N, C-alpha and C. Protein backbone atom coordinates (compact mmCIF):
# COMPACT_ATOMS: atom_id res chain seq x y z
N VAL A 1 -46.29 66.69 -27.70
CA VAL A 1 -46.56 67.72 -28.70
C VAL A 1 -47.52 68.78 -28.12
N THR A 2 -48.34 68.39 -27.14
CA THR A 2 -49.30 69.32 -26.60
C THR A 2 -48.99 69.79 -25.19
N ALA A 3 -47.95 69.22 -24.59
CA ALA A 3 -47.56 69.64 -23.23
C ALA A 3 -46.75 70.93 -23.31
N PRO A 4 -47.03 71.88 -22.41
CA PRO A 4 -46.29 73.15 -22.46
C PRO A 4 -44.79 72.96 -22.21
N SER A 5 -44.00 73.68 -22.95
CA SER A 5 -42.55 73.67 -22.76
C SER A 5 -42.22 74.37 -21.47
N GLU A 6 -41.36 73.80 -20.64
CA GLU A 6 -40.98 74.44 -19.38
C GLU A 6 -40.31 75.77 -19.60
N GLU A 7 -39.53 75.87 -20.69
CA GLU A 7 -38.78 77.09 -20.95
C GLU A 7 -39.64 78.21 -21.51
N HIS A 8 -40.57 77.87 -22.45
CA HIS A 8 -41.33 78.91 -23.13
C HIS A 8 -42.82 78.95 -22.78
N GLY A 9 -43.34 77.87 -22.23
CA GLY A 9 -44.73 77.86 -21.86
C GLY A 9 -45.66 77.45 -23.00
N TRP A 10 -45.13 77.33 -24.20
CA TRP A 10 -45.96 76.97 -25.35
C TRP A 10 -45.80 75.49 -25.65
N PRO A 11 -46.89 74.80 -25.97
CA PRO A 11 -46.73 73.43 -26.49
C PRO A 11 -46.06 73.48 -27.87
N PRO A 12 -45.22 72.50 -28.19
CA PRO A 12 -44.51 72.51 -29.47
C PRO A 12 -45.42 72.66 -30.71
N ILE A 13 -46.69 72.21 -30.62
CA ILE A 13 -47.57 72.33 -31.78
C ILE A 13 -47.78 73.80 -32.18
N PHE A 14 -47.68 74.71 -31.24
CA PHE A 14 -47.84 76.14 -31.57
C PHE A 14 -46.68 76.65 -32.41
N TYR A 15 -45.49 76.10 -32.18
CA TYR A 15 -44.34 76.48 -33.01
C TYR A 15 -44.55 76.00 -34.45
N SER A 16 -45.21 74.87 -34.59
CA SER A 16 -45.51 74.34 -35.92
C SER A 16 -46.41 75.32 -36.66
N ILE A 17 -47.43 75.85 -35.99
CA ILE A 17 -48.33 76.81 -36.62
C ILE A 17 -47.58 78.09 -36.97
N ASP A 18 -46.69 78.54 -36.10
CA ASP A 18 -45.89 79.72 -36.39
C ASP A 18 -45.02 79.52 -37.62
N SER A 19 -44.36 78.38 -37.70
CA SER A 19 -43.49 78.14 -38.87
C SER A 19 -44.33 78.02 -40.14
N LEU A 20 -45.51 77.42 -40.03
CA LEU A 20 -46.39 77.34 -41.18
C LEU A 20 -46.81 78.73 -41.64
N SER A 21 -47.09 79.60 -40.69
CA SER A 21 -47.47 80.98 -41.02
C SER A 21 -46.36 81.69 -41.77
N ARG A 22 -45.14 81.56 -41.24
CA ARG A 22 -43.99 82.20 -41.92
C ARG A 22 -43.77 81.60 -43.31
N GLU A 23 -43.86 80.29 -43.42
CA GLU A 23 -43.63 79.61 -44.71
C GLU A 23 -44.70 80.02 -45.72
N THR A 24 -45.95 80.12 -45.28
CA THR A 24 -47.04 80.49 -46.17
C THR A 24 -46.83 81.92 -46.70
N LYS A 25 -46.38 82.83 -45.84
CA LYS A 25 -46.13 84.20 -46.26
C LYS A 25 -44.93 84.30 -47.20
N ARG A 26 -43.93 83.43 -46.95
CA ARG A 26 -42.72 83.46 -47.77
C ARG A 26 -42.96 82.87 -49.15
N CYS A 27 -43.65 81.74 -49.20
CA CYS A 27 -43.87 81.06 -50.47
C CYS A 27 -45.20 80.34 -50.42
N ALA A 28 -46.20 80.87 -51.11
CA ALA A 28 -47.56 80.35 -51.02
C ALA A 28 -47.70 78.93 -51.59
N GLU A 29 -46.82 78.52 -52.49
CA GLU A 29 -46.96 77.20 -53.13
C GLU A 29 -46.17 76.13 -52.37
N THR A 30 -46.54 75.92 -51.14
CA THR A 30 -45.83 74.94 -50.32
C THR A 30 -46.79 73.84 -49.87
N ALA A 31 -47.41 73.15 -50.79
CA ALA A 31 -48.40 72.12 -50.45
C ALA A 31 -47.80 71.01 -49.63
N GLU A 32 -46.57 70.61 -49.94
CA GLU A 32 -45.91 69.53 -49.19
C GLU A 32 -45.71 69.96 -47.73
N GLU A 33 -45.27 71.20 -47.54
CA GLU A 33 -45.07 71.72 -46.18
C GLU A 33 -46.39 71.75 -45.44
N LEU A 34 -47.44 72.18 -46.12
CA LEU A 34 -48.78 72.21 -45.49
C LEU A 34 -49.20 70.83 -45.03
N SER A 35 -49.01 69.82 -45.89
CA SER A 35 -49.46 68.49 -45.53
C SER A 35 -48.71 67.95 -44.33
N ARG A 36 -47.42 68.26 -44.22
CA ARG A 36 -46.64 67.81 -43.06
C ARG A 36 -47.18 68.46 -41.77
N HIS A 37 -47.49 69.75 -41.84
CA HIS A 37 -48.03 70.44 -40.68
C HIS A 37 -49.41 69.88 -40.31
N PHE A 38 -50.22 69.58 -41.30
CA PHE A 38 -51.55 69.06 -40.99
C PHE A 38 -51.45 67.68 -40.35
N ASP A 39 -50.48 66.86 -40.80
CA ASP A 39 -50.28 65.58 -40.15
C ASP A 39 -49.91 65.76 -38.68
N LEU A 40 -49.05 66.73 -38.40
CA LEU A 40 -48.64 67.00 -37.03
C LEU A 40 -49.81 67.55 -36.21
N LEU A 41 -50.61 68.44 -36.81
CA LEU A 41 -51.79 68.97 -36.14
C LEU A 41 -52.76 67.86 -35.77
N THR A 42 -53.01 66.98 -36.73
CA THR A 42 -53.95 65.87 -36.47
C THR A 42 -53.41 64.98 -35.35
N LEU A 43 -52.12 64.67 -35.39
CA LEU A 43 -51.52 63.85 -34.36
C LEU A 43 -51.66 64.53 -33.00
N ALA A 44 -51.38 65.82 -32.93
CA ALA A 44 -51.46 66.53 -31.65
C ALA A 44 -52.88 66.58 -31.12
N ILE A 45 -53.82 66.87 -31.99
CA ILE A 45 -55.22 66.98 -31.55
C ILE A 45 -55.72 65.61 -31.06
N LYS A 46 -55.40 64.55 -31.78
CA LYS A 46 -55.84 63.22 -31.37
C LYS A 46 -55.10 62.74 -30.11
N ALA A 47 -53.81 63.07 -30.00
CA ALA A 47 -53.05 62.66 -28.82
C ALA A 47 -53.57 63.36 -27.58
N HIS A 48 -54.02 64.56 -27.75
CA HIS A 48 -54.55 65.32 -26.62
C HIS A 48 -55.81 64.63 -26.11
N GLY A 49 -56.73 64.38 -26.99
CA GLY A 49 -57.87 63.51 -26.81
C GLY A 49 -58.76 63.63 -25.59
N LYS A 50 -58.53 64.52 -24.67
CA LYS A 50 -59.34 64.59 -23.48
C LYS A 50 -60.62 65.38 -23.70
N GLY A 51 -60.77 65.96 -24.86
CA GLY A 51 -61.92 66.80 -25.10
C GLY A 51 -61.69 68.23 -24.63
N ASP A 52 -60.48 68.50 -24.11
CA ASP A 52 -60.13 69.86 -23.72
C ASP A 52 -59.48 70.55 -24.91
N LEU A 53 -59.37 71.84 -24.82
CA LEU A 53 -58.70 72.61 -25.85
C LEU A 53 -57.20 72.67 -25.55
N ILE A 54 -56.37 72.54 -26.56
CA ILE A 54 -54.93 72.65 -26.39
C ILE A 54 -54.61 74.13 -26.26
N ARG A 55 -53.91 74.49 -25.19
CA ARG A 55 -53.62 75.91 -24.94
C ARG A 55 -52.12 76.13 -24.73
N CYS A 56 -51.71 77.38 -24.99
CA CYS A 56 -50.33 77.77 -24.76
C CYS A 56 -50.22 78.48 -23.42
N GLY A 57 -49.07 79.05 -23.11
CA GLY A 57 -48.83 79.70 -21.83
C GLY A 57 -49.76 80.88 -21.54
N THR A 58 -50.24 81.56 -22.57
CA THR A 58 -51.15 82.69 -22.38
C THR A 58 -52.61 82.27 -22.54
N SER A 59 -52.82 80.98 -22.52
CA SER A 59 -54.13 80.31 -22.61
C SER A 59 -54.80 80.46 -23.95
N GLN A 60 -54.05 80.80 -25.00
CA GLN A 60 -54.61 80.82 -26.36
C GLN A 60 -54.73 79.38 -26.85
N THR A 61 -55.79 79.14 -27.63
CA THR A 61 -56.02 77.83 -28.20
C THR A 61 -55.37 77.70 -29.57
N LEU A 62 -55.31 76.49 -30.11
CA LEU A 62 -54.81 76.30 -31.47
C LEU A 62 -55.62 77.11 -32.46
N LEU A 63 -56.94 77.17 -32.28
CA LEU A 63 -57.79 77.93 -33.18
C LEU A 63 -57.47 79.44 -33.10
N MET A 64 -57.27 79.95 -31.92
CA MET A 64 -56.90 81.36 -31.77
C MET A 64 -55.59 81.64 -32.48
N HIS A 65 -54.66 80.73 -32.33
CA HIS A 65 -53.35 80.90 -32.96
C HIS A 65 -53.46 80.88 -34.48
N ALA A 66 -54.30 80.01 -35.02
CA ALA A 66 -54.52 79.96 -36.45
C ALA A 66 -55.20 81.28 -36.92
N CYS A 67 -56.10 81.80 -36.12
CA CYS A 67 -56.80 83.03 -36.50
C CYS A 67 -55.88 84.24 -36.45
N LEU A 68 -55.04 84.33 -35.46
CA LEU A 68 -54.17 85.50 -35.39
C LEU A 68 -53.05 85.46 -36.43
N ASN A 69 -52.77 84.26 -36.96
CA ASN A 69 -51.78 84.14 -38.03
C ASN A 69 -52.42 84.11 -39.40
N ASP A 70 -53.74 84.30 -39.48
CA ASP A 70 -54.51 84.33 -40.74
C ASP A 70 -54.31 83.07 -41.57
N LEU A 71 -54.55 81.93 -40.93
CA LEU A 71 -54.40 80.64 -41.59
C LEU A 71 -55.75 79.91 -41.61
N PRO A 72 -56.61 80.23 -42.57
CA PRO A 72 -57.93 79.60 -42.61
C PRO A 72 -57.89 78.08 -42.77
N SER A 73 -56.92 77.56 -43.50
CA SER A 73 -56.83 76.11 -43.68
C SER A 73 -56.51 75.43 -42.36
N VAL A 74 -55.69 76.05 -41.53
CA VAL A 74 -55.37 75.47 -40.22
C VAL A 74 -56.59 75.58 -39.31
N ALA A 75 -57.27 76.72 -39.34
CA ALA A 75 -58.47 76.89 -38.53
C ALA A 75 -59.51 75.82 -38.90
N ALA A 76 -59.72 75.60 -40.18
CA ALA A 76 -60.67 74.57 -40.63
C ALA A 76 -60.25 73.20 -40.18
N HIS A 77 -58.96 72.92 -40.27
CA HIS A 77 -58.43 71.61 -39.87
C HIS A 77 -58.61 71.38 -38.38
N VAL A 78 -58.33 72.41 -37.56
CA VAL A 78 -58.49 72.28 -36.12
C VAL A 78 -59.94 71.99 -35.78
N LEU A 79 -60.85 72.73 -36.39
CA LEU A 79 -62.28 72.54 -36.11
C LEU A 79 -62.75 71.16 -36.55
N LYS A 80 -62.25 70.70 -37.71
CA LYS A 80 -62.67 69.40 -38.26
C LYS A 80 -62.10 68.24 -37.46
N SER A 81 -60.86 68.35 -37.03
CA SER A 81 -60.17 67.22 -36.40
C SER A 81 -60.48 67.03 -34.91
N SER A 82 -60.90 68.08 -34.28
CA SER A 82 -61.09 68.05 -32.84
C SER A 82 -62.42 67.41 -32.46
N SER A 83 -62.42 66.74 -31.32
CA SER A 83 -63.67 66.19 -30.80
C SER A 83 -64.47 67.28 -30.07
N VAL A 84 -63.82 68.44 -29.83
CA VAL A 84 -64.50 69.56 -29.18
C VAL A 84 -65.40 70.23 -30.21
N PRO A 85 -66.67 70.48 -29.87
CA PRO A 85 -67.57 71.12 -30.83
C PRO A 85 -67.08 72.51 -31.28
N SER A 86 -67.34 72.87 -32.53
CA SER A 86 -66.90 74.15 -33.08
C SER A 86 -67.36 75.32 -32.23
N ARG A 87 -68.58 75.24 -31.72
CA ARG A 87 -69.13 76.31 -30.91
C ARG A 87 -68.28 76.54 -29.65
N LYS A 88 -67.84 75.44 -29.00
CA LYS A 88 -66.99 75.57 -27.80
C LYS A 88 -65.62 76.15 -28.17
N HIS A 89 -65.08 75.71 -29.32
CA HIS A 89 -63.80 76.25 -29.79
C HIS A 89 -63.91 77.77 -29.98
N LEU A 90 -64.97 78.19 -30.66
CA LEU A 90 -65.12 79.60 -30.99
C LEU A 90 -65.42 80.47 -29.77
N ALA A 91 -66.12 79.94 -28.79
CA ALA A 91 -66.49 80.71 -27.61
C ALA A 91 -65.41 80.69 -26.53
N ALA A 92 -64.40 79.84 -26.68
CA ALA A 92 -63.32 79.77 -25.68
C ALA A 92 -62.59 81.10 -25.61
N THR A 93 -62.22 81.50 -24.40
CA THR A 93 -61.50 82.74 -24.22
C THR A 93 -60.14 82.47 -23.63
N ASP A 94 -59.20 83.39 -23.88
CA ASP A 94 -57.85 83.29 -23.30
C ASP A 94 -57.83 84.14 -22.04
N GLU A 95 -56.61 84.36 -21.51
CA GLU A 95 -56.51 85.09 -20.24
C GLU A 95 -56.94 86.57 -20.34
N SER A 96 -57.00 87.09 -21.56
CA SER A 96 -57.47 88.48 -21.75
C SER A 96 -58.97 88.52 -22.10
N GLY A 97 -59.61 87.37 -22.10
CA GLY A 97 -61.03 87.30 -22.41
C GLY A 97 -61.34 87.33 -23.89
N ARG A 98 -60.31 87.16 -24.73
CA ARG A 98 -60.50 87.20 -26.18
C ARG A 98 -60.77 85.82 -26.74
N THR A 99 -61.59 85.78 -27.79
CA THR A 99 -61.89 84.57 -28.51
C THR A 99 -61.05 84.51 -29.79
N ALA A 100 -61.17 83.43 -30.54
CA ALA A 100 -60.49 83.32 -31.83
C ALA A 100 -60.96 84.46 -32.75
N TYR A 101 -62.24 84.79 -32.70
CA TYR A 101 -62.79 85.90 -33.48
C TYR A 101 -62.09 87.22 -33.11
N HIS A 102 -61.90 87.48 -31.81
CA HIS A 102 -61.20 88.67 -31.37
C HIS A 102 -59.80 88.74 -32.01
N TRP A 103 -59.10 87.60 -31.97
CA TRP A 103 -57.72 87.60 -32.48
C TRP A 103 -57.69 87.78 -34.00
N ALA A 104 -58.63 87.19 -34.70
CA ALA A 104 -58.70 87.40 -36.16
C ALA A 104 -58.94 88.87 -36.46
N CYS A 105 -59.82 89.51 -35.71
CA CYS A 105 -60.10 90.94 -35.91
C CYS A 105 -58.90 91.79 -35.51
N HIS A 106 -58.28 91.46 -34.37
CA HIS A 106 -57.14 92.24 -33.88
C HIS A 106 -56.00 92.25 -34.90
N ARG A 107 -55.79 91.15 -35.59
CA ARG A 107 -54.71 91.03 -36.56
C ARG A 107 -55.18 91.28 -37.98
N SER A 108 -56.43 91.72 -38.18
CA SER A 108 -56.98 91.97 -39.49
C SER A 108 -56.80 90.75 -40.41
N SER A 109 -57.09 89.59 -39.90
CA SER A 109 -56.90 88.33 -40.62
C SER A 109 -58.08 88.08 -41.57
N LYS A 110 -57.98 88.72 -42.73
CA LYS A 110 -59.08 88.72 -43.70
C LYS A 110 -59.48 87.33 -44.15
N ALA A 111 -58.51 86.50 -44.46
CA ALA A 111 -58.83 85.14 -44.97
C ALA A 111 -59.55 84.31 -43.93
N VAL A 112 -59.13 84.41 -42.67
CA VAL A 112 -59.79 83.65 -41.60
C VAL A 112 -61.20 84.17 -41.36
N LEU A 113 -61.34 85.49 -41.34
CA LEU A 113 -62.67 86.08 -41.14
C LEU A 113 -63.62 85.64 -42.26
N GLU A 114 -63.13 85.61 -43.49
CA GLU A 114 -63.95 85.14 -44.61
C GLU A 114 -64.32 83.66 -44.45
N PHE A 115 -63.37 82.86 -43.99
CA PHE A 115 -63.63 81.42 -43.75
C PHE A 115 -64.73 81.28 -42.69
N LEU A 116 -64.59 81.97 -41.57
CA LEU A 116 -65.56 81.89 -40.48
C LEU A 116 -66.95 82.34 -40.95
N ARG A 117 -66.99 83.38 -41.74
CA ARG A 117 -68.25 83.89 -42.27
C ARG A 117 -68.87 82.88 -43.25
N ASP A 118 -68.06 82.42 -44.19
CA ASP A 118 -68.57 81.48 -45.21
C ASP A 118 -69.00 80.14 -44.62
N ALA A 119 -68.36 79.73 -43.52
CA ALA A 119 -68.73 78.49 -42.85
C ALA A 119 -69.89 78.70 -41.88
N ASP A 120 -70.42 79.91 -41.85
CA ASP A 120 -71.56 80.27 -41.00
C ASP A 120 -71.24 80.02 -39.52
N LEU A 121 -70.04 80.39 -39.12
CA LEU A 121 -69.59 80.19 -37.74
C LEU A 121 -69.61 81.47 -36.89
N LEU A 122 -69.92 82.60 -37.53
CA LEU A 122 -69.90 83.85 -36.81
C LEU A 122 -71.31 84.22 -36.30
N SER A 123 -71.73 83.51 -35.28
CA SER A 123 -73.07 83.76 -34.72
C SER A 123 -73.08 85.13 -34.04
N GLU A 124 -74.28 85.67 -33.85
CA GLU A 124 -74.41 86.95 -33.17
C GLU A 124 -73.88 86.85 -31.75
N GLU A 125 -74.13 85.73 -31.11
CA GLU A 125 -73.64 85.50 -29.74
C GLU A 125 -72.11 85.59 -29.69
N LEU A 126 -71.44 84.95 -30.65
CA LEU A 126 -69.98 85.00 -30.71
C LEU A 126 -69.48 86.42 -30.98
N ARG A 127 -70.10 87.09 -31.92
CA ARG A 127 -69.68 88.44 -32.27
C ARG A 127 -69.86 89.43 -31.12
N ASN A 128 -70.74 89.12 -30.18
CA ASN A 128 -71.01 90.03 -29.06
C ASN A 128 -70.21 89.70 -27.80
N ILE A 129 -69.40 88.66 -27.81
CA ILE A 129 -68.56 88.36 -26.64
C ILE A 129 -67.56 89.51 -26.46
N ARG A 130 -67.45 89.99 -25.26
CA ARG A 130 -66.54 91.11 -24.95
C ARG A 130 -65.33 90.60 -24.20
N ASP A 131 -64.17 91.18 -24.51
CA ASP A 131 -62.95 90.80 -23.79
C ASP A 131 -62.90 91.56 -22.47
N GLU A 132 -61.79 91.42 -21.73
CA GLU A 132 -61.68 92.05 -20.42
C GLU A 132 -61.72 93.57 -20.48
N ALA A 133 -61.35 94.13 -21.65
CA ALA A 133 -61.40 95.58 -21.82
C ALA A 133 -62.79 96.04 -22.25
N GLY A 134 -63.72 95.08 -22.41
CA GLY A 134 -65.09 95.42 -22.78
C GLY A 134 -65.31 95.60 -24.27
N ARG A 135 -64.41 95.07 -25.11
CA ARG A 135 -64.56 95.27 -26.55
C ARG A 135 -64.89 93.98 -27.27
N ALA A 136 -65.78 94.09 -28.24
CA ALA A 136 -66.11 92.97 -29.11
C ALA A 136 -65.09 92.90 -30.23
N GLY A 137 -65.01 91.76 -30.92
CA GLY A 137 -64.02 91.59 -31.96
C GLY A 137 -64.03 92.65 -33.03
N HIS A 138 -65.22 92.98 -33.52
CA HIS A 138 -65.30 93.95 -34.60
C HIS A 138 -64.74 95.32 -34.18
N GLU A 139 -64.78 95.66 -32.90
CA GLU A 139 -64.18 96.91 -32.44
C GLU A 139 -62.67 96.86 -32.55
N LEU A 140 -62.09 95.70 -32.35
CA LEU A 140 -60.63 95.54 -32.53
C LEU A 140 -60.27 95.66 -33.99
N LEU A 141 -61.13 95.17 -34.87
CA LEU A 141 -60.88 95.30 -36.30
C LEU A 141 -60.87 96.75 -36.70
N LEU A 142 -61.82 97.52 -36.18
CA LEU A 142 -61.86 98.95 -36.49
C LEU A 142 -60.60 99.64 -36.00
N ASP A 143 -60.11 99.27 -34.81
CA ASP A 143 -58.88 99.83 -34.30
C ASP A 143 -57.71 99.52 -35.21
N ALA A 144 -57.65 98.28 -35.69
CA ALA A 144 -56.54 97.87 -36.53
C ALA A 144 -56.52 98.64 -37.84
N VAL A 145 -57.71 98.96 -38.36
CA VAL A 145 -57.77 99.67 -39.63
C VAL A 145 -57.55 101.16 -39.44
N GLU A 146 -58.10 101.73 -38.36
CA GLU A 146 -58.09 103.19 -38.21
C GLU A 146 -56.87 103.74 -37.48
N THR A 147 -56.13 102.92 -36.78
CA THR A 147 -54.96 103.40 -36.06
C THR A 147 -53.85 103.74 -37.04
N PRO A 148 -53.39 104.98 -37.01
CA PRO A 148 -52.28 105.34 -37.92
C PRO A 148 -50.99 104.64 -37.52
N ALA A 149 -50.15 104.38 -38.50
CA ALA A 149 -48.88 103.73 -38.22
C ALA A 149 -48.03 104.64 -37.34
N LYS A 150 -47.37 104.06 -36.37
CA LYS A 150 -46.54 104.85 -35.47
C LYS A 150 -45.16 105.04 -36.11
N PRO A 151 -44.66 106.29 -36.09
CA PRO A 151 -43.36 106.52 -36.68
C PRO A 151 -42.28 105.81 -35.86
N ARG A 152 -41.35 105.21 -36.53
CA ARG A 152 -40.29 104.48 -35.84
C ARG A 152 -39.03 104.57 -36.67
N GLU A 153 -37.93 104.83 -35.98
CA GLU A 153 -36.65 104.85 -36.68
C GLU A 153 -36.10 103.44 -36.75
N TRP A 154 -35.65 103.04 -37.89
CA TRP A 154 -35.04 101.72 -38.03
C TRP A 154 -33.59 101.80 -37.58
N PRO A 155 -33.09 100.74 -36.99
CA PRO A 155 -31.69 100.79 -36.57
C PRO A 155 -30.77 100.88 -37.77
N GLY A 156 -29.62 101.43 -37.56
CA GLY A 156 -28.64 101.56 -38.63
C GLY A 156 -28.09 100.20 -39.05
N PHE A 157 -27.35 100.17 -40.12
CA PHE A 157 -26.77 98.96 -40.66
C PHE A 157 -25.82 98.35 -39.62
N ILE A 158 -25.93 97.06 -39.39
CA ILE A 158 -25.03 96.36 -38.49
C ILE A 158 -24.07 95.55 -39.34
N ALA A 159 -22.81 95.93 -39.29
CA ALA A 159 -21.79 95.24 -40.10
C ALA A 159 -21.52 93.87 -39.53
N PRO A 160 -21.36 92.86 -40.39
CA PRO A 160 -21.01 91.53 -39.89
C PRO A 160 -19.63 91.55 -39.25
N PRO A 161 -19.39 90.64 -38.30
CA PRO A 161 -18.09 90.62 -37.59
C PRO A 161 -16.95 90.28 -38.51
């Protein structure tokens, strides 16, 4: 569950978080679906068990993935279930030097940012970590809010065969 797929580079547990994200956006009242995903998350985190962070092909952690998909319940579960201290989880960086906080800001993940704030996990030290481009998370949030939508033409109707 935590070993990277040879074809895609992502451990299967990351696909579980993606499907949970899509399901949550599609239908918020999916408690049974949530519980199944949490069981799988717990299994994956415990099976990993080395005290290392589970990472995908781009070196993002489960916590980063939960943050970029705006899933505060998954972020809380990852932090609670892991033997890795919350501080190490939050300070971990991916190949671009971004933390989970960076990804939450980059995706304007309001619910996750509120969870991190309310759980008193957004230390000044964490907020000041800079990615490889030299930007802190809150600067990415400002970009996400202030960048105007880019005009794009949608493709025409594709008739079924």
